[in-house]
N, C-alpha and C. Protein backbone atom coordinates (compact mmCIF):
# COMPACT_ATOMS: atom_id res chain seq x y z
N MET A 1 0.85 -1.34 0.05
CA MET A 1 0.11 -0.06 -0.02
C MET A 1 0.90 1.28 0.11
N GLN A 2 0.72 2.21 -0.91
CA GLN A 2 1.34 3.50 -0.84
C GLN A 2 1.01 4.26 0.20
N PRO A 3 1.99 5.30 0.50
CA PRO A 3 1.90 6.23 1.69
C PRO A 3 0.64 7.09 1.15
N GLU A 4 -0.01 7.77 1.89
CA GLU A 4 -1.01 8.96 1.52
C GLU A 4 -0.18 10.12 1.11
N PHE A 5 -0.66 10.79 0.01
CA PHE A 5 -0.37 12.10 -0.33
C PHE A 5 -0.25 13.12 0.74
N ARG A 6 0.88 14.00 0.87
CA ARG A 6 0.61 15.09 1.67
C ARG A 6 0.94 16.38 0.80
N GLU A 7 -0.06 17.47 1.19
CA GLU A 7 0.37 18.83 0.45
C GLU A 7 1.50 19.47 0.91
N VAL A 8 2.33 19.89 -0.13
CA VAL A 8 3.46 20.71 0.22
C VAL A 8 3.28 22.05 -0.72
N ALA A 9 4.01 22.93 -0.37
CA ALA A 9 4.22 24.22 -1.16
C ALA A 9 5.14 23.70 -2.21
N PRO A 10 4.84 24.10 -3.64
CA PRO A 10 5.25 23.96 -4.63
C PRO A 10 6.86 24.38 -4.89
N GLU A 11 7.25 25.26 -3.92
CA GLU A 11 8.52 26.04 -3.77
C GLU A 11 9.30 24.73 -3.28
N LEU A 12 8.70 23.91 -2.60
CA LEU A 12 9.60 22.88 -1.86
C LEU A 12 9.90 21.66 -2.50
N LEU A 13 9.63 21.90 -3.77
CA LEU A 13 9.76 20.38 -4.83
C LEU A 13 11.26 20.47 -4.98
N THR A 14 11.90 19.55 -4.69
CA THR A 14 13.49 19.14 -5.27
C THR A 14 13.58 18.38 -6.33
N ASP A 15 12.78 17.76 -6.94
CA ASP A 15 13.04 17.22 -8.50
C ASP A 15 13.62 18.18 -9.43
N ASN A 16 14.57 17.48 -10.21
CA ASN A 16 15.09 18.04 -11.35
C ASN A 16 13.93 18.19 -12.41
N VAL A 17 13.37 19.21 -12.54
CA VAL A 17 12.25 19.58 -13.65
C VAL A 17 12.41 19.10 -14.85
N ILE A 18 13.63 19.50 -15.47
CA ILE A 18 13.92 18.86 -16.79
C ILE A 18 13.99 17.64 -16.91
N HIS A 19 14.72 16.89 -16.11
CA HIS A 19 14.51 15.43 -16.07
C HIS A 19 12.97 14.84 -15.70
N LEU A 20 12.56 15.44 -14.87
CA LEU A 20 11.24 14.91 -14.38
C LEU A 20 10.30 14.93 -15.77
N ILE A 21 10.12 16.09 -16.45
CA ILE A 21 9.58 16.14 -17.72
C ILE A 21 9.80 15.24 -18.92
N ALA A 22 10.98 15.58 -18.90
CA ALA A 22 11.56 15.13 -20.47
C ALA A 22 11.84 13.49 -20.25
N GLU A 23 12.19 13.22 -19.26
CA GLU A 23 12.82 11.80 -19.19
C GLU A 23 11.71 10.77 -18.48
N GLU A 24 10.98 11.22 -17.26
CA GLU A 24 10.26 10.20 -16.55
C GLU A 24 8.69 10.78 -17.03
N TRP A 25 8.20 11.98 -17.91
CA TRP A 25 6.96 12.41 -18.57
C TRP A 25 6.08 12.38 -17.52
N MET A 26 4.91 12.82 -17.81
CA MET A 26 3.64 13.19 -16.82
C MET A 26 2.37 13.00 -17.67
N LEU A 27 1.31 13.02 -16.81
CA LEU A 27 0.01 12.83 -17.41
C LEU A 27 -0.55 14.28 -17.43
N VAL A 28 -1.22 14.65 -18.51
CA VAL A 28 -1.79 15.85 -18.41
C VAL A 28 -3.41 15.49 -18.14
N THR A 29 -4.04 15.79 -17.03
CA THR A 29 -5.51 15.40 -17.28
C THR A 29 -6.31 16.52 -16.92
N ALA A 30 -7.63 16.74 -17.58
CA ALA A 30 -8.32 17.57 -17.70
C ALA A 30 -9.90 17.18 -17.91
N GLY A 31 -10.76 17.64 -17.21
CA GLY A 31 -12.34 17.42 -17.33
C GLY A 31 -12.79 16.96 -16.01
N PRO A 32 -14.00 16.92 -15.84
CA PRO A 32 -14.47 16.48 -14.44
C PRO A 32 -14.48 14.83 -14.26
N PRO A 33 -14.50 14.37 -13.00
CA PRO A 33 -14.22 13.04 -12.99
C PRO A 33 -15.26 12.23 -13.66
N ASP A 34 -16.45 12.50 -14.23
CA ASP A 34 -17.44 11.64 -15.14
C ASP A 34 -17.03 11.93 -16.59
N ALA A 35 -16.18 12.73 -16.84
CA ALA A 35 -15.74 13.10 -18.29
C ALA A 35 -14.61 13.44 -18.48
N PHE A 36 -13.48 12.80 -18.18
CA PHE A 36 -12.25 13.53 -18.38
C PHE A 36 -11.27 12.73 -19.66
N ASN A 37 -10.11 13.28 -19.84
CA ASN A 37 -9.31 12.73 -20.62
C ASN A 37 -7.78 12.87 -20.17
N THR A 38 -6.82 12.04 -20.21
CA THR A 38 -5.43 12.01 -19.98
C THR A 38 -4.63 11.83 -21.10
N MET A 39 -3.51 12.63 -21.30
CA MET A 39 -2.49 12.14 -22.12
C MET A 39 -1.13 12.22 -21.52
N THR A 40 -0.02 11.54 -22.15
CA THR A 40 1.18 11.80 -21.64
C THR A 40 2.10 12.71 -22.64
N ALA A 41 2.69 13.76 -21.52
CA ALA A 41 3.54 14.69 -22.32
C ALA A 41 4.89 14.56 -21.49
N SER A 42 5.61 15.18 -22.68
CA SER A 42 7.12 15.18 -22.35
C SER A 42 7.53 16.55 -22.46
N TRP A 43 6.89 17.46 -22.83
CA TRP A 43 6.89 18.79 -22.84
C TRP A 43 6.56 19.70 -21.96
N GLY A 44 7.32 20.65 -21.17
CA GLY A 44 6.54 21.51 -20.21
C GLY A 44 7.57 21.91 -19.43
N GLY A 45 7.00 22.60 -18.24
CA GLY A 45 8.07 23.35 -17.34
C GLY A 45 7.21 23.77 -16.21
N LEU A 46 7.91 24.13 -15.30
CA LEU A 46 7.35 24.67 -13.85
C LEU A 46 8.21 25.80 -13.64
N GLY A 47 7.65 26.89 -13.00
CA GLY A 47 8.48 28.00 -12.62
C GLY A 47 7.54 29.27 -11.88
N ASN A 48 8.04 30.36 -12.11
CA ASN A 48 7.39 31.43 -11.38
C ASN A 48 6.74 32.50 -12.49
N LEU A 49 5.66 32.73 -12.62
CA LEU A 49 5.41 33.66 -13.48
C LEU A 49 4.04 34.54 -12.81
N TRP A 50 4.33 35.93 -12.94
CA TRP A 50 3.13 36.77 -12.55
C TRP A 50 3.17 36.53 -11.00
N GLY A 51 4.39 36.29 -10.45
CA GLY A 51 4.56 36.23 -9.10
C GLY A 51 3.63 34.85 -8.44
N LEU A 52 3.46 33.84 -9.28
CA LEU A 52 2.67 32.70 -8.99
C LEU A 52 3.72 31.38 -9.44
N PRO A 53 3.46 30.16 -8.59
CA PRO A 53 3.93 29.24 -8.92
C PRO A 53 3.18 28.31 -10.22
N VAL A 54 3.93 28.26 -11.35
CA VAL A 54 3.09 28.14 -12.34
C VAL A 54 3.63 26.63 -13.29
N SER A 55 2.69 26.15 -14.26
CA SER A 55 3.17 24.90 -14.95
C SER A 55 3.02 25.49 -16.31
N PHE A 56 3.68 25.07 -17.15
CA PHE A 56 3.66 25.39 -18.52
C PHE A 56 3.16 23.78 -19.62
N VAL A 57 2.25 23.95 -20.04
CA VAL A 57 2.23 22.50 -20.89
C VAL A 57 1.67 22.82 -22.35
N PHE A 58 1.90 22.10 -23.09
CA PHE A 58 1.54 22.10 -24.58
C PHE A 58 1.05 21.04 -25.16
N VAL A 59 -0.32 21.18 -25.71
CA VAL A 59 -1.16 20.18 -26.32
C VAL A 59 -1.58 20.40 -27.65
N ARG A 60 -1.31 19.37 -28.56
CA ARG A 60 -1.51 19.68 -30.12
C ARG A 60 -3.14 19.54 -30.31
N PRO A 61 -3.61 20.46 -31.22
CA PRO A 61 -5.22 20.46 -31.37
C PRO A 61 -5.69 18.94 -31.92
N SER A 62 -4.89 18.12 -32.45
CA SER A 62 -5.27 16.86 -32.75
C SER A 62 -5.51 15.88 -31.79
N ARG A 63 -4.90 16.09 -30.46
CA ARG A 63 -5.19 15.42 -29.26
C ARG A 63 -6.56 15.23 -28.65
N TYR A 64 -6.82 14.26 -28.29
CA TYR A 64 -8.12 14.43 -27.57
C TYR A 64 -8.20 15.19 -26.45
N THR A 65 -7.33 15.15 -25.70
CA THR A 65 -7.29 16.05 -24.28
C THR A 65 -7.38 17.38 -24.63
N PHE A 66 -6.87 17.72 -25.78
CA PHE A 66 -7.08 19.29 -26.33
C PHE A 66 -8.48 20.02 -26.09
N GLU A 67 -9.43 19.08 -26.48
CA GLU A 67 -11.12 19.40 -25.99
C GLU A 67 -11.00 19.90 -24.75
N PHE A 68 -10.81 18.71 -23.77
CA PHE A 68 -11.04 18.80 -22.43
C PHE A 68 -10.22 19.85 -21.54
N MET A 69 -8.80 20.28 -22.28
CA MET A 69 -8.08 21.28 -21.70
C MET A 69 -8.82 22.72 -22.16
N ASN A 70 -9.47 22.96 -23.10
CA ASN A 70 -10.29 23.99 -23.34
C ASN A 70 -11.51 24.27 -22.84
N ARG A 71 -12.12 23.14 -22.35
CA ARG A 71 -13.38 23.18 -21.67
C ARG A 71 -12.99 23.57 -20.30
N ALA A 72 -12.07 22.99 -19.64
CA ALA A 72 -11.93 23.09 -18.08
C ALA A 72 -11.03 24.28 -17.84
N ALA A 73 -11.38 24.77 -16.67
CA ALA A 73 -10.79 25.86 -15.99
C ALA A 73 -9.46 25.29 -15.16
N GLN A 74 -9.65 23.89 -14.88
CA GLN A 74 -8.47 23.25 -14.01
C GLN A 74 -8.03 22.16 -14.77
N PHE A 75 -6.67 21.90 -14.48
CA PHE A 75 -5.93 20.27 -14.96
C PHE A 75 -5.15 20.10 -13.88
N THR A 76 -4.69 18.76 -14.24
CA THR A 76 -3.57 18.30 -13.33
C THR A 76 -2.45 17.79 -14.17
N LEU A 77 -1.37 17.77 -13.44
CA LEU A 77 -0.29 16.95 -13.83
C LEU A 77 0.08 15.88 -12.98
N SER A 78 0.17 14.67 -13.50
CA SER A 78 0.77 13.68 -12.58
C SER A 78 2.15 12.90 -12.83
N PHE A 79 2.86 12.54 -11.79
CA PHE A 79 4.17 12.27 -12.09
C PHE A 79 4.17 10.88 -11.47
N PHE A 80 4.93 10.05 -12.00
CA PHE A 80 4.74 8.65 -11.62
C PHE A 80 6.05 7.84 -11.30
N PRO A 81 6.19 6.92 -10.34
CA PRO A 81 7.36 6.16 -10.33
C PRO A 81 7.63 5.36 -11.58
N GLU A 82 9.06 4.80 -11.59
CA GLU A 82 9.41 4.09 -13.12
C GLU A 82 8.57 3.20 -13.25
N ALA A 83 8.09 2.32 -12.27
CA ALA A 83 7.20 1.23 -12.66
C ALA A 83 6.10 1.34 -13.62
N TYR A 84 5.61 2.70 -13.72
CA TYR A 84 4.44 2.89 -14.40
C TYR A 84 4.69 3.51 -15.89
N HIS A 85 5.87 3.20 -16.30
CA HIS A 85 6.48 3.90 -17.57
C HIS A 85 5.81 3.36 -18.69
N ASP A 86 5.31 2.02 -18.63
CA ASP A 86 4.49 1.38 -19.79
C ASP A 86 3.13 1.72 -19.77
N ALA A 87 2.35 2.35 -18.77
CA ALA A 87 1.19 2.97 -18.63
C ALA A 87 1.25 4.07 -19.24
N LEU A 88 2.11 4.96 -19.00
CA LEU A 88 2.42 6.42 -19.58
C LEU A 88 2.66 6.27 -21.18
N MET A 89 3.54 5.26 -21.26
CA MET A 89 3.70 5.12 -22.87
C MET A 89 2.45 4.58 -23.49
N TYR A 90 1.51 3.72 -23.11
CA TYR A 90 0.24 3.40 -23.67
C TYR A 90 -0.74 4.81 -23.80
N CYS A 91 -0.80 5.55 -22.51
CA CYS A 91 -1.65 6.68 -22.62
C CYS A 91 -0.93 7.83 -23.68
N GLY A 92 0.12 7.86 -24.04
CA GLY A 92 0.90 8.66 -24.96
C GLY A 92 0.81 8.25 -26.43
N THR A 93 0.30 6.65 -26.55
CA THR A 93 0.15 6.25 -27.99
C THR A 93 -1.13 5.91 -28.23
N HIS A 94 -2.00 5.98 -27.49
CA HIS A 94 -3.51 5.58 -27.68
C HIS A 94 -4.39 6.82 -27.48
N SER A 95 -5.51 7.10 -28.24
CA SER A 95 -6.55 7.92 -28.07
C SER A 95 -7.62 7.52 -27.02
N GLY A 96 -8.05 8.56 -26.37
CA GLY A 96 -9.12 8.20 -25.38
C GLY A 96 -10.45 8.07 -26.39
N ARG A 97 -10.47 8.60 -27.70
CA ARG A 97 -11.41 8.74 -28.28
C ARG A 97 -11.74 7.13 -28.63
N ASP A 98 -10.65 6.13 -28.69
CA ASP A 98 -10.88 4.73 -29.20
C ASP A 98 -10.85 3.80 -28.18
N VAL A 99 -10.28 4.11 -26.94
CA VAL A 99 -9.77 3.03 -25.84
C VAL A 99 -10.07 3.81 -24.68
N ASP A 100 -10.36 2.80 -23.46
CA ASP A 100 -10.61 3.29 -22.06
C ASP A 100 -9.23 2.91 -21.70
N LYS A 101 -8.51 4.14 -21.45
CA LYS A 101 -7.11 4.27 -20.98
C LYS A 101 -6.98 3.63 -19.60
N MET A 102 -8.06 3.82 -18.85
CA MET A 102 -7.84 3.41 -17.41
C MET A 102 -8.12 2.01 -17.49
N ALA A 103 -9.09 1.21 -18.02
CA ALA A 103 -9.10 -0.19 -18.06
C ALA A 103 -7.81 -0.73 -18.43
N GLU A 104 -7.44 -0.09 -19.71
CA GLU A 104 -6.17 -0.75 -20.34
C GLU A 104 -4.93 -0.67 -19.47
N THR A 105 -4.76 0.45 -18.85
CA THR A 105 -3.49 0.58 -17.94
C THR A 105 -3.46 0.38 -16.47
N GLY A 106 -4.79 0.19 -15.92
CA GLY A 106 -5.06 -0.19 -14.51
C GLY A 106 -4.81 1.16 -13.66
N LEU A 107 -4.53 2.16 -14.19
CA LEU A 107 -4.55 3.48 -13.54
C LEU A 107 -5.94 3.63 -12.57
N THR A 108 -5.58 4.29 -11.69
CA THR A 108 -6.97 4.75 -10.78
C THR A 108 -7.09 5.97 -10.47
N PRO A 109 -8.22 6.68 -11.21
CA PRO A 109 -8.39 7.98 -10.95
C PRO A 109 -8.86 8.31 -9.73
N VAL A 110 -8.47 9.53 -9.32
CA VAL A 110 -8.83 10.37 -7.97
C VAL A 110 -9.37 11.50 -8.04
N VAL A 111 -10.54 11.93 -7.23
CA VAL A 111 -10.81 13.11 -7.49
C VAL A 111 -10.22 14.07 -6.72
N GLY A 112 -9.63 15.24 -7.34
CA GLY A 112 -8.82 16.30 -6.38
C GLY A 112 -9.73 17.42 -6.02
N ALA A 113 -9.13 18.59 -5.95
CA ALA A 113 -9.79 19.79 -5.60
C ALA A 113 -10.54 20.19 -6.96
N HIS A 114 -11.58 20.97 -6.93
CA HIS A 114 -12.47 21.48 -8.00
C HIS A 114 -12.80 20.56 -8.88
N ASP A 115 -13.07 19.36 -8.45
CA ASP A 115 -13.45 18.29 -9.26
C ASP A 115 -12.26 17.73 -10.54
N THR A 116 -11.02 18.00 -10.15
CA THR A 116 -10.10 17.35 -10.87
C THR A 116 -9.81 16.31 -10.84
N VAL A 117 -9.03 15.47 -11.69
CA VAL A 117 -8.71 14.10 -11.65
C VAL A 117 -7.19 14.11 -11.57
N HIS A 118 -6.71 13.02 -10.92
CA HIS A 118 -5.39 12.96 -10.81
C HIS A 118 -5.40 11.17 -10.56
N PHE A 119 -4.33 10.69 -10.24
CA PHE A 119 -4.09 9.29 -10.25
C PHE A 119 -3.64 8.58 -8.94
N ALA A 120 -3.94 7.46 -8.40
CA ALA A 120 -3.80 7.00 -6.91
C ALA A 120 -2.21 6.74 -7.09
N GLU A 121 -1.74 6.11 -8.21
CA GLU A 121 -0.53 5.52 -8.38
C GLU A 121 0.90 6.65 -8.54
N ALA A 122 0.20 8.03 -8.70
CA ALA A 122 1.26 8.95 -8.82
C ALA A 122 2.17 9.15 -7.68
N ARG A 123 3.27 9.81 -8.04
CA ARG A 123 4.09 10.07 -6.85
C ARG A 123 3.96 11.60 -6.25
N LEU A 124 3.71 12.39 -7.39
CA LEU A 124 3.69 13.84 -7.51
C LEU A 124 2.29 14.39 -8.13
N VAL A 125 1.74 15.32 -7.76
CA VAL A 125 0.47 15.79 -8.54
C VAL A 125 0.52 17.03 -8.39
N LEU A 126 0.04 17.82 -9.46
CA LEU A 126 0.16 19.25 -9.24
C LEU A 126 -1.28 19.75 -9.64
N GLU A 127 -2.16 20.28 -9.08
CA GLU A 127 -3.42 20.70 -9.50
C GLU A 127 -3.11 22.00 -9.71
N CYS A 128 -3.80 22.48 -11.02
CA CYS A 128 -3.42 23.66 -11.61
C CYS A 128 -4.82 24.36 -12.35
N ARG A 129 -4.95 25.84 -12.16
CA ARG A 129 -5.95 26.48 -12.81
C ARG A 129 -5.54 27.12 -13.84
N LYS A 130 -5.99 26.98 -15.06
CA LYS A 130 -5.62 27.84 -16.20
C LYS A 130 -5.60 29.39 -16.02
N LEU A 131 -4.51 30.06 -16.43
CA LEU A 131 -4.30 31.45 -16.47
C LEU A 131 -4.35 31.79 -17.84
N TYR A 132 -3.64 31.14 -18.86
CA TYR A 132 -3.47 31.70 -19.94
C TYR A 132 -3.44 30.61 -20.97
N ALA A 133 -3.98 30.86 -22.36
CA ALA A 133 -3.76 29.97 -23.62
C ALA A 133 -3.34 30.56 -24.69
N GLN A 134 -2.50 29.82 -25.55
CA GLN A 134 -2.07 30.68 -26.72
C GLN A 134 -1.55 29.79 -27.81
N ASP A 135 -2.13 29.74 -28.99
CA ASP A 135 -1.48 29.12 -30.13
C ASP A 135 -0.18 29.38 -30.46
N PHE A 136 0.72 28.48 -30.85
CA PHE A 136 1.98 28.83 -31.35
C PHE A 136 1.55 29.18 -32.90
N GLU A 137 2.55 30.14 -33.26
CA GLU A 137 2.27 30.59 -34.65
C GLU A 137 3.41 30.42 -35.50
N ARG A 138 3.43 29.88 -36.63
CA ARG A 138 4.34 29.69 -37.90
C ARG A 138 5.24 31.09 -37.74
N ASP A 139 4.85 32.23 -37.75
CA ASP A 139 5.86 33.44 -37.89
C ASP A 139 6.42 33.61 -36.38
N GLY A 140 5.93 33.08 -35.32
CA GLY A 140 6.52 33.17 -33.73
C GLY A 140 7.91 32.61 -33.88
N PHE A 141 8.35 31.64 -34.69
CA PHE A 141 9.41 30.96 -34.66
C PHE A 141 10.72 31.67 -34.87
N VAL A 142 11.30 32.08 -33.80
CA VAL A 142 12.71 32.84 -34.23
C VAL A 142 13.81 31.68 -34.90
N ASP A 143 13.84 30.56 -34.41
CA ASP A 143 14.54 29.61 -35.01
C ASP A 143 13.88 28.70 -35.92
N HIS A 144 14.02 28.77 -37.25
CA HIS A 144 13.21 28.34 -38.22
C HIS A 144 13.57 26.71 -38.28
N ALA A 145 14.62 26.32 -37.65
CA ALA A 145 15.20 24.86 -37.80
C ALA A 145 14.43 24.10 -36.91
N VAL A 146 14.01 24.81 -35.67
CA VAL A 146 13.23 24.10 -34.46
C VAL A 146 11.89 23.86 -34.98
N ARG A 147 11.42 24.66 -35.78
CA ARG A 147 10.03 24.48 -36.42
C ARG A 147 9.84 23.49 -37.33
N GLN A 148 11.13 23.25 -38.17
CA GLN A 148 11.08 22.39 -39.26
C GLN A 148 11.27 20.87 -38.59
N LYS A 149 12.15 21.02 -37.57
CA LYS A 149 12.32 19.69 -36.88
C LYS A 149 11.20 19.18 -36.29
N VAL A 150 10.58 20.01 -35.49
CA VAL A 150 9.33 19.30 -34.73
C VAL A 150 8.11 19.44 -35.48
N TYR A 151 7.84 20.42 -36.35
CA TYR A 151 6.53 20.35 -37.40
C TYR A 151 6.56 19.88 -38.75
N GLY A 152 7.66 19.87 -39.28
CA GLY A 152 7.94 19.76 -40.61
C GLY A 152 7.00 20.61 -41.45
N SER A 153 6.19 20.24 -42.46
CA SER A 153 5.29 21.04 -43.24
C SER A 153 3.90 21.15 -42.40
N ALA A 154 3.76 20.45 -41.28
CA ALA A 154 2.48 20.54 -40.17
C ALA A 154 2.06 21.98 -39.92
N THR A 155 0.91 22.16 -39.98
CA THR A 155 0.55 23.48 -39.54
C THR A 155 -0.35 23.40 -38.13
N ASP A 156 -0.54 22.19 -37.67
CA ASP A 156 -1.22 22.14 -36.19
C ASP A 156 -0.16 22.19 -35.18
N PHE A 157 0.18 23.65 -34.94
CA PHE A 157 1.13 23.84 -33.76
C PHE A 157 0.46 23.54 -32.43
N HIS A 158 1.25 23.38 -31.50
CA HIS A 158 0.65 23.28 -30.12
C HIS A 158 -0.01 24.44 -29.50
N ARG A 159 -1.12 24.12 -28.47
CA ARG A 159 -1.39 25.25 -27.80
C ARG A 159 -0.57 25.30 -26.43
N PHE A 160 -0.25 26.46 -26.08
CA PHE A 160 0.59 26.56 -24.92
C PHE A 160 -0.44 27.11 -23.58
N TYR A 161 -0.40 26.38 -22.44
CA TYR A 161 -1.18 26.65 -21.55
C TYR A 161 -0.26 26.87 -20.13
N VAL A 162 -0.70 28.11 -19.62
CA VAL A 162 0.12 28.30 -18.17
C VAL A 162 -0.95 28.19 -16.96
N GLY A 163 -0.55 27.25 -16.15
CA GLY A 163 -1.47 27.05 -15.11
C GLY A 163 -0.90 27.38 -13.47
N HIS A 164 -1.81 28.13 -12.99
CA HIS A 164 -1.10 28.44 -11.68
C HIS A 164 -1.42 27.24 -10.74
N ILE A 165 -0.30 26.75 -10.17
CA ILE A 165 -0.07 25.50 -9.42
C ILE A 165 -0.92 25.80 -8.10
N THR A 166 -2.31 25.29 -8.12
CA THR A 166 -2.85 25.88 -6.59
C THR A 166 -2.88 24.82 -5.49
N ARG A 167 -2.41 23.66 -5.97
CA ARG A 167 -2.16 22.36 -5.00
C ARG A 167 -1.00 21.44 -5.36
N CYS A 168 -0.02 21.31 -4.41
CA CYS A 168 0.86 20.13 -4.70
C CYS A 168 0.97 18.99 -4.02
N LEU A 169 0.73 17.87 -4.41
CA LEU A 169 0.67 16.62 -3.58
C LEU A 169 1.92 15.86 -3.85
N THR A 170 2.48 15.29 -2.80
CA THR A 170 3.47 14.25 -3.00
C THR A 170 3.63 13.06 -2.07
N ARG A 171 4.24 12.29 -2.24
CA ARG A 171 4.43 10.95 -1.27
C ARG A 171 5.90 11.16 -0.46
């Protein structure tokens, strides 16, 4: 049995954020408990903006989670022990439009504050309130090689979301 979550101030996190997001990945989850979706992400960040602890996440319009992120005022970021890497891989390679990710991965949804959803198996959860959303634009890329490498000729650029971290749960 896993220890209970405890609430901590986001400023007290000691994880290497670059490694945490890029290598360990996270689940971005939006929508109420009766109608949510989650996706794996390896792009994002944590920091301070406007005097607030914030998260930065990026979701492509083609992802099913995009619809949920746009409707919801809140979202969560869930980080897991390495034992759940296969579950995160599944959530990143299968669409919630087509499969029941919870049934396929065995992850257990938990209702958080403001009817957000996170997962019982997570080791770290950030509950976030959306502050800002903006689409990347072709002309905004200063380094065109990055745009070419990531998007090629595609034009469905990610939407950038900034979320105020309103609650941080850890084990």
